């Protein structure tokens, strides 16, 4: 029973140490400003719509071509 308690306490101590080190590293992060995040988000959304439109158009053309071949 003593071995189990020792393992749990060791696990707890290592977890707490890990979380402290994570907190120290998070303080070093250079977080982007709100304006940068909004701009990047807009670019991603626009690019996603552009790719979706392109793939939809290609799918439509291939659908028409396949229908013409089958007839």
PDB file of N, CA and C in Angstrom:
ATOM      1  N   UNK A   1       0.814  -1.189   0.000  1.00  0.00           N
ATOM      2  CA  UNK A   1       0.000   0.000   0.000  1.00  0.00           C
ATOM      3  C   UNK A   1       0.859   1.255   0.000  1.00  0.00           C
ATOM      4  N   UNK A   2       1.996   1.229   0.668  1.00  0.00           N
ATOM      5  CA  UNK A   2       2.897   2.382   0.733  1.00  0.00           C
ATOM      6  C   UNK A   2       3.464   2.742  -0.630  1.00  0.00           C
ATOM      7  N   UNK A   3       3.670   1.736  -1.500  1.00  0.00           N
ATOM      8  CA  UNK A   3       4.207   1.985  -2.838  1.00  0.00           C
ATOM      9  C   UNK A   3       3.193   2.751  -3.692  1.00  0.00           C
ATOM     10  N   UNK A   4       1.927   2.413  -3.523  1.00  0.00           N
ATOM     11  CA  UNK A   4       0.877   3.086  -4.293  1.00  0.00           C
ATOM     12  C   UNK A   4       0.793   4.558  -3.881  1.00  0.00           C
ATOM     13  N   UNK A   5       0.850   4.818  -2.593  1.00  0.00           N
ATOM     14  CA  UNK A   5       0.787   6.190  -2.089  1.00  0.00           C
ATOM     15  C   UNK A   5       1.990   6.983  -2.594  1.00  0.00           C
ATOM     16  N   UNK A   6       3.152   6.365  -2.591  1.00  0.00           N
ATOM     17  CA  UNK A   6       4.366   7.041  -3.063  1.00  0.00           C
ATOM     18  C   UNK A   6       4.245   7.373  -4.546  1.00  0.00           C
ATOM     19  N   UNK A   7       3.684   6.464  -5.339  1.00  0.00           N
ATOM     20  CA  UNK A   7       3.512   6.716  -6.776  1.00  0.00           C
ATOM     21  C   UNK A   7       2.538   7.867  -7.021  1.00  0.00           C
ATOM     22  N   UNK A   8       1.452   7.890  -6.253  1.00  0.00           N
ATOM     23  CA  UNK A   8       0.466   8.958  -6.418  1.00  0.00           C
ATOM     24  C   UNK A   8       1.077  10.302  -6.032  1.00  0.00           C
ATOM     25  N   UNK A   9       1.816  10.342  -4.936  1.00  0.00           N
ATOM     26  CA  UNK A   9       2.444  11.595  -4.520  1.00  0.00           C
ATOM     27  C   UNK A   9       3.500  12.035  -5.522  1.00  0.00           C
ATOM     28  N   UNK A  10       4.254  11.098  -6.071  1.00  0.00           N
ATOM     29  CA  UNK A  10       5.243  11.430  -7.103  1.00  0.00           C
ATOM     30  C   UNK A  10       4.579  11.963  -8.352  1.00  0.00           C
ATOM     31  N   UNK A  11       3.471  11.344  -8.719  1.00  0.00           N
ATOM     32  CA  UNK A  11       2.721  11.807  -9.895  1.00  0.00           C
ATOM     33  C   UNK A  11       2.191  13.222  -9.671  1.00  0.00           C
ATOM     34  N   UNK A  12       1.663  13.459  -8.499  1.00  0.00           N
ATOM     35  CA  UNK A  12       1.117  14.781  -8.175  1.00  0.00           C
ATOM     36  C   UNK A  12       2.219  15.841  -8.210  1.00  0.00           C
ATOM     37  N   UNK A  13       3.372  15.538  -7.621  1.00  0.00           N
ATOM     38  CA  UNK A  13       4.476  16.501  -7.591  1.00  0.00           C
ATOM     39  C   UNK A  13       4.979  16.800  -9.006  1.00  0.00           C
ATOM     40  N   UNK A  14       5.097  15.780  -9.841  1.00  0.00           N
ATOM     41  CA  UNK A  14       5.574  16.011 -11.201  1.00  0.00           C
ATOM     42  C   UNK A  14       4.544  16.777 -12.024  1.00  0.00           C
ATOM     43  N   UNK A  15       3.271  16.553 -11.773  1.00  0.00           N
ATOM     44  CA  UNK A  15       2.220  17.287 -12.483  1.00  0.00           C
ATOM     45  C   UNK A  15       2.249  18.754 -12.099  1.00  0.00           C
ATOM     46  N   UNK A  16       2.390  19.045 -10.829  1.00  0.00           N
ATOM     47  CA  UNK A  16       2.450  20.426 -10.362  1.00  0.00           C
ATOM     48  C   UNK A  16       3.680  21.121 -10.945  1.00  0.00           C
ATOM     49  N   UNK A  17       4.818  20.438 -10.968  1.00  0.00           N
ATOM     50  CA  UNK A  17       6.035  21.020 -11.542  1.00  0.00           C
ATOM     51  C   UNK A  17       5.838  21.301 -13.029  1.00  0.00           C
ATOM     52  N   UNK A  18       5.235  20.365 -13.738  1.00  0.00           N
ATOM     53  CA  UNK A  18       4.966  20.551 -15.163  1.00  0.00           C
ATOM     54  C   UNK A  18       4.089  21.777 -15.390  1.00  0.00           C
ATOM     55  N   UNK A  19       3.019  21.920 -14.620  1.00  0.00           N
ATOM     56  CA  UNK A  19       2.112  23.057 -14.787  1.00  0.00           C
ATOM     57  C   UNK A  19       2.798  24.379 -14.469  1.00  0.00           C
ATOM     58  N   UNK A  20       3.698  24.392 -13.486  1.00  0.00           N
ATOM     59  CA  UNK A  20       4.454  25.609 -13.173  1.00  0.00           C
ATOM     60  C   UNK A  20       5.361  25.986 -14.338  1.00  0.00           C
ATOM     61  N   UNK A  21       6.008  24.991 -14.938  1.00  0.00           N
ATOM     62  CA  UNK A  21       6.884  25.259 -16.084  1.00  0.00           C
ATOM     63  C   UNK A  21       6.083  25.739 -17.291  1.00  0.00           C
ATOM     64  N   UNK A  22       4.896  25.187 -17.470  1.00  0.00           N
ATOM     65  CA  UNK A  22       4.025  25.645 -18.558  1.00  0.00           C
ATOM     66  C   UNK A  22       3.664  27.106 -18.343  1.00  0.00           C
ATOM     67  N   UNK A  23       3.328  27.486 -17.130  1.00  0.00           N
ATOM     68  CA  UNK A  23       2.953  28.859 -16.823  1.00  0.00           C
ATOM     69  C   UNK A  23       4.120  29.806 -17.114  1.00  0.00           C
ATOM     70  N   UNK A  24       5.338  29.396 -16.760  1.00  0.00           N
ATOM     71  CA  UNK A  24       6.522  30.225 -17.024  1.00  0.00           C
ATOM     72  C   UNK A  24       6.699  30.411 -18.530  1.00  0.00           C
ATOM     73  N   UNK A  25       6.531  29.350 -19.301  1.00  0.00           N
ATOM     74  CA  UNK A  25       6.681  29.447 -20.755  1.00  0.00           C
ATOM     75  C   UNK A  25       5.574  30.290 -21.381  1.00  0.00           C
ATOM     76  N   UNK A  26       4.355  30.190 -20.868  1.00  0.00           N
ATOM     77  CA  UNK A  26       3.256  30.987 -21.406  1.00  0.00           C
ATOM     78  C   UNK A  26       3.494  32.488 -21.205  1.00  0.00           C
ATOM     79  N   UNK A  27       4.202  32.850 -20.154  1.00  0.00           N
ATOM     80  CA  UNK A  27       4.521  34.255 -19.924  1.00  0.00           C
ATOM     81  C   UNK A  27       5.485  34.788 -20.980  1.00  0.00           C
ATOM     82  N   UNK A  28       6.259  33.902 -21.605  1.00  0.00           N
ATOM     83  CA  UNK A  28       7.234  34.307 -22.619  1.00  0.00           C
ATOM     84  C   UNK A  28       6.612  34.459 -24.006  1.00  0.00           C
ATOM     85  N   UNK A  29       5.407  33.978 -24.184  1.00  0.00           N
ATOM     86  CA  UNK A  29       4.769  33.994 -25.502  1.00  0.00           C
ATOM     87  C   UNK A  29       4.427  35.420 -25.901  1.00  0.00           C
ATOM     88  N   UNK A  30       4.696  35.740 -27.164  1.00  0.00           N
ATOM     89  CA  UNK A  30       4.340  37.043 -27.712  1.00  0.00           C
ATOM     90  C   UNK A  30       2.970  36.893 -28.376  1.00  0.00           C
ATOM     91  N   UNK A  31       1.916  37.219 -27.650  1.00  0.00           N
ATOM     92  CA  UNK A  31       0.566  37.041 -28.144  1.00  0.00           C
ATOM     93  C   UNK A  31       0.240  38.111 -29.169  1.00  0.00           C
ATOM     94  N   UNK A  32      -0.464  37.752 -30.252  1.00  0.00           N
ATOM     95  CA  UNK A  32      -0.813  38.742 -31.277  1.00  0.00           C
ATOM     96  C   UNK A  32      -1.879  39.717 -30.771  1.00  0.00           C
ATOM     97  N   UNK A  33      -1.880  40.887 -31.369  1.00  0.00           N
ATOM     98  CA  UNK A  33      -2.875  41.896 -31.030  1.00  0.00           C
ATOM     99  C   UNK A  33      -4.211  41.525 -31.661  1.00  0.00           C
ATOM    100  N   UNK A  34      -5.277  42.100 -31.163  1.00  0.00           N
ATOM    101  CA  UNK A  34      -6.624  41.796 -31.656  1.00  0.00           C
ATOM    102  C   UNK A  34      -6.747  42.089 -33.153  1.00  0.00           C
ATOM    103  N   UNK A  35      -6.150  43.180 -33.600  1.00  0.00           N
ATOM    104  CA  UNK A  35      -6.214  43.563 -35.010  1.00  0.00           C
ATOM    105  C   UNK A  35      -5.559  42.493 -35.892  1.00  0.00           C
ATOM    106  N   UNK A  36      -4.430  41.949 -35.451  1.00  0.00           N
ATOM    107  CA  UNK A  36      -3.745  40.895 -36.209  1.00  0.00           C
ATOM    108  C   UNK A  36      -4.592  39.627 -36.280  1.00  0.00           C
ATOM    109  N   UNK A  37      -5.213  39.280 -35.178  1.00  0.00           N
ATOM    110  CA  UNK A  37      -6.051  38.079 -35.140  1.00  0.00           C
ATOM    111  C   UNK A  37      -7.253  38.241 -36.066  1.00  0.00           C
ATOM    112  N   UNK A  38      -7.883  39.408 -36.031  1.00  0.00           N
ATOM    113  CA  UNK A  38      -9.041  39.660 -36.885  1.00  0.00           C
ATOM    114  C   UNK A  38      -8.647  39.600 -38.361  1.00  0.00           C
ATOM    115  N   UNK A  39      -7.508  40.181 -38.704  1.00  0.00           N
ATOM    116  CA  UNK A  39      -7.033  40.158 -40.089  1.00  0.00           C
ATOM    117  C   UNK A  39      -6.740  38.746 -40.561  1.00  0.00           C
ATOM    118  N   UNK A  40      -6.057  37.974 -39.737  1.00  0.00           N
ATOM    119  CA  UNK A  40      -5.735  36.590 -40.097  1.00  0.00           C
ATOM    120  C   UNK A  40      -7.000  35.756 -40.234  1.00  0.00           C
ATOM    121  N   UNK A  41      -7.953  35.975 -39.364  1.00  0.00           N
ATOM    122  CA  UNK A  41      -9.216  35.242 -39.424  1.00  0.00           C
ATOM    123  C   UNK A  41      -9.963  35.562 -40.708  1.00  0.00           C
ATOM    124  N   UNK A  42      -9.972  36.824 -41.095  1.00  0.00           N
ATOM    125  CA  UNK A  42     -10.641  37.224 -42.338  1.00  0.00           C
ATOM    126  C   UNK A  42      -9.983  36.564 -43.542  1.00  0.00           C
ATOM    127  N   UNK A  43      -8.653  36.516 -43.549  1.00  0.00           N
ATOM    128  CA  UNK A  43      -7.938  35.874 -44.660  1.00  0.00           C
ATOM    129  C   UNK A  43      -8.285  34.397 -44.738  1.00  0.00           C
ATOM    130  N   UNK A  44      -8.328  33.723 -43.617  1.00  0.00           N
ATOM    131  CA  UNK A  44      -8.649  32.295 -43.598  1.00  0.00           C
ATOM    132  C   UNK A  44     -10.071  32.056 -44.092  1.00  0.00           C
ATOM    133  N   UNK A  45     -11.008  32.868 -43.643  1.00  0.00           N
ATOM    134  CA  UNK A  45     -12.403  32.701 -44.070  1.00  0.00           C
ATOM    135  C   UNK A  45     -12.538  32.941 -45.569  1.00  0.00           C
ATOM    136  N   UNK A  46     -11.934  34.010 -46.073  1.00  0.00           N
ATOM    137  CA  UNK A  46     -12.001  34.300 -47.506  1.00  0.00           C
ATOM    138  C   UNK A  46     -11.336  33.204 -48.334  1.00  0.00           C
ATOM    139  N   UNK A  47     -10.193  32.720 -47.888  1.00  0.00           N
ATOM    140  CA  UNK A  47      -9.509  31.645 -48.608  1.00  0.00           C
ATOM    141  C   UNK A  47     -10.352  30.372 -48.603  1.00  0.00           C
ATOM    142  N   UNK A  48     -11.019  30.091 -47.508  1.00  0.00           N
ATOM    143  CA  UNK A  48     -11.871  28.910 -47.426  1.00  0.00           C
ATOM    144  C   UNK A  48     -13.029  29.007 -48.407  1.00  0.00           C
ATOM    145  N   UNK A  49     -13.652  30.193 -48.490  1.00  0.00           N
ATOM    146  CA  UNK A  49     -14.741  30.384 -49.449  1.00  0.00           C
ATOM    147  C   UNK A  49     -14.242  30.265 -50.887  1.00  0.00           C
ATOM    148  N   UNK A  50     -13.062  30.810 -51.166  1.00  0.00           N
ATOM    149  CA  UNK A  50     -12.498  30.737 -52.518  1.00  0.00           C
ATOM    150  C   UNK A  50     -12.235  29.285 -52.916  1.00  0.00           C
ATOM    151  N   UNK A  51     -11.651  28.517 -52.025  1.00  0.00           N
ATOM    152  CA  UNK A  51     -11.372  27.106 -52.318  1.00  0.00           C
ATOM    153  C   UNK A  51     -12.674  26.330 -52.462  1.00  0.00           C
ATOM    154  N   UNK A  52     -13.652  26.605 -51.619  1.00  0.00           N
ATOM    155  CA  UNK A  52     -14.943  25.920 -51.713  1.00  0.00           C
ATOM    156  C   UNK A  52     -15.624  26.242 -53.040  1.00  0.00           C
ATOM    157  N   UNK A  53     -15.583  27.505 -53.471  1.00  0.00           N
ATOM    158  CA  UNK A  53     -16.185  27.893 -54.745  1.00  0.00           C
ATOM    159  C   UNK A  53     -15.474  27.189 -55.900  1.00  0.00           C
ATOM    160  N   UNK A  54     -14.145  27.175 -55.865  1.00  0.00           N
ATOM    161  CA  UNK A  54     -13.368  26.522 -56.924  1.00  0.00           C
ATOM    162  C   UNK A  54     -13.684  25.035 -56.997  1.00  0.00           C
ATOM    163  N   UNK A  55     -13.669  24.358 -55.858  1.00  0.00           N
ATOM    164  CA  UNK A  55     -13.957  22.918 -55.858  1.00  0.00           C
ATOM    165  C   UNK A  55     -15.386  22.634 -56.285  1.00  0.00           C
ATOM    166  N   UNK A  56     -16.322  23.495 -55.908  1.00  0.00           N
ATOM    167  CA  UNK A  56     -17.700  23.337 -56.346  1.00  0.00           C
ATOM    168  C   UNK A  56     -17.821  23.484 -57.849  1.00  0.00           C
ATOM    169  N   UNK A  57     -17.116  24.461 -58.418  1.00  0.00           N
ATOM    170  CA  UNK A  57     -17.140  24.663 -59.863  1.00  0.00           C
ATOM    171  C   UNK A  57     -16.525  23.467 -60.595  1.00  0.00           C
ATOM    172  N   UNK A  58     -15.408  22.976 -60.103  1.00  0.00           N
ATOM    173  CA  UNK A  58     -14.770  21.804 -60.717  1.00  0.00           C
ATOM    174  C   UNK A  58     -15.704  20.599 -60.626  1.00  0.00           C
ATOM    175  N   UNK A  59     -16.334  20.410 -59.505  1.00  0.00           N
ATOM    176  CA  UNK A  59     -17.265  19.294 -59.338  1.00  0.00           C
ATOM    177  C   UNK A  59     -18.421  19.406 -60.324  1.00  0.00           C
ATOM    178  N   UNK A  60     -18.947  20.603 -60.500  1.00  0.00           N
ATOM    179  CA  UNK A  60     -20.058  20.818 -61.422  1.00  0.00           C
ATOM    180  C   UNK A  60     -19.645  20.518 -62.870  1.00  0.00           C
ATOM    181  N   UNK A  61     -18.465  20.991 -63.254  1.00  0.00           N
ATOM    182  CA  UNK A  61     -17.970  20.736 -64.609  1.00  0.00           C
ATOM    183  C   UNK A  61     -17.755  19.240 -64.827  1.00  0.00           C
ATOM    184  N   UNK A  62     -17.147  18.574 -63.868  1.00  0.00           N
ATOM    185  CA  UNK A  62     -16.920  17.135 -64.005  1.00  0.00           C
ATOM    186  C   UNK A  62     -18.245  16.366 -64.030  1.00  0.00           C
ATOM    187  N   UNK A  63     -19.215  16.835 -63.289  1.00  0.00           N
ATOM    188  CA  UNK A  63     -20.537  16.198 -63.283  1.00  0.00           C
ATOM    189  C   UNK A  63     -21.194  16.313 -64.660  1.00  0.00           C
ATOM    190  N   UNK A  64     -21.109  17.501 -65.253  1.00  0.00           N
ATOM    191  CA  UNK A  64     -21.682  17.691 -66.596  1.00  0.00           C
ATOM    192  C   UNK A  64     -20.941  16.840 -67.625  1.00  0.00           C
ATOM    193  N   UNK A  65     -19.587  16.787 -67.504  1.00  0.00           N
ATOM    194  CA  UNK A  65     -18.788  15.999 -68.461  1.00  0.00           C
ATOM    195  C   UNK A  65     -19.131  14.516 -68.336  1.00  0.00           C
ATOM    196  N   UNK A  66     -19.257  14.026 -67.145  1.00  0.00           N
ATOM    197  CA  UNK A  66     -19.570  12.609 -66.948  1.00  0.00           C
ATOM    198  C   UNK A  66     -20.975  12.300 -67.461  1.00  0.00           C
ATOM    199  N   UNK A  67     -21.907  13.211 -67.255  1.00  0.00           N
ATOM    200  CA  UNK A  67     -23.275  13.008 -67.769  1.00  0.00           C
ATOM    201  C   UNK A  67     -23.271  12.979 -69.299  1.00  0.00           C
ATOM    202  N   UNK A  68     -22.435  13.813 -69.929  1.00  0.00           N
ATOM    203  CA  UNK A  68     -22.351  13.829 -71.391  1.00  0.00           C
ATOM    204  C   UNK A  68     -21.732  12.544 -71.927  1.00  0.00           C
ATOM    205  N   UNK A  69     -20.776  11.983 -71.212  1.00  0.00           N
ATOM    206  CA  UNK A  69     -20.129  10.733 -71.644  1.00  0.00           C
ATOM    207  C   UNK A  69     -21.087   9.569 -71.501  1.00  0.00           C
ATOM    208  N   UNK A  70     -21.863   9.554 -70.432  1.00  0.00           N
ATOM    209  CA  UNK A  70     -22.772   8.435 -70.184  1.00  0.00           C
ATOM    210  C   UNK A  70     -23.900   8.402 -71.217  1.00  0.00           C
ATOM    211  N   UNK A  71     -24.376   9.541 -71.680  1.00  0.00           N
ATOM    212  CA  UNK A  71     -25.467   9.584 -72.662  1.00  0.00           C
ATOM    213  C   UNK A  71     -25.015   9.057 -73.931  1.00  0.00           C
TER     214      UNK A  71
END
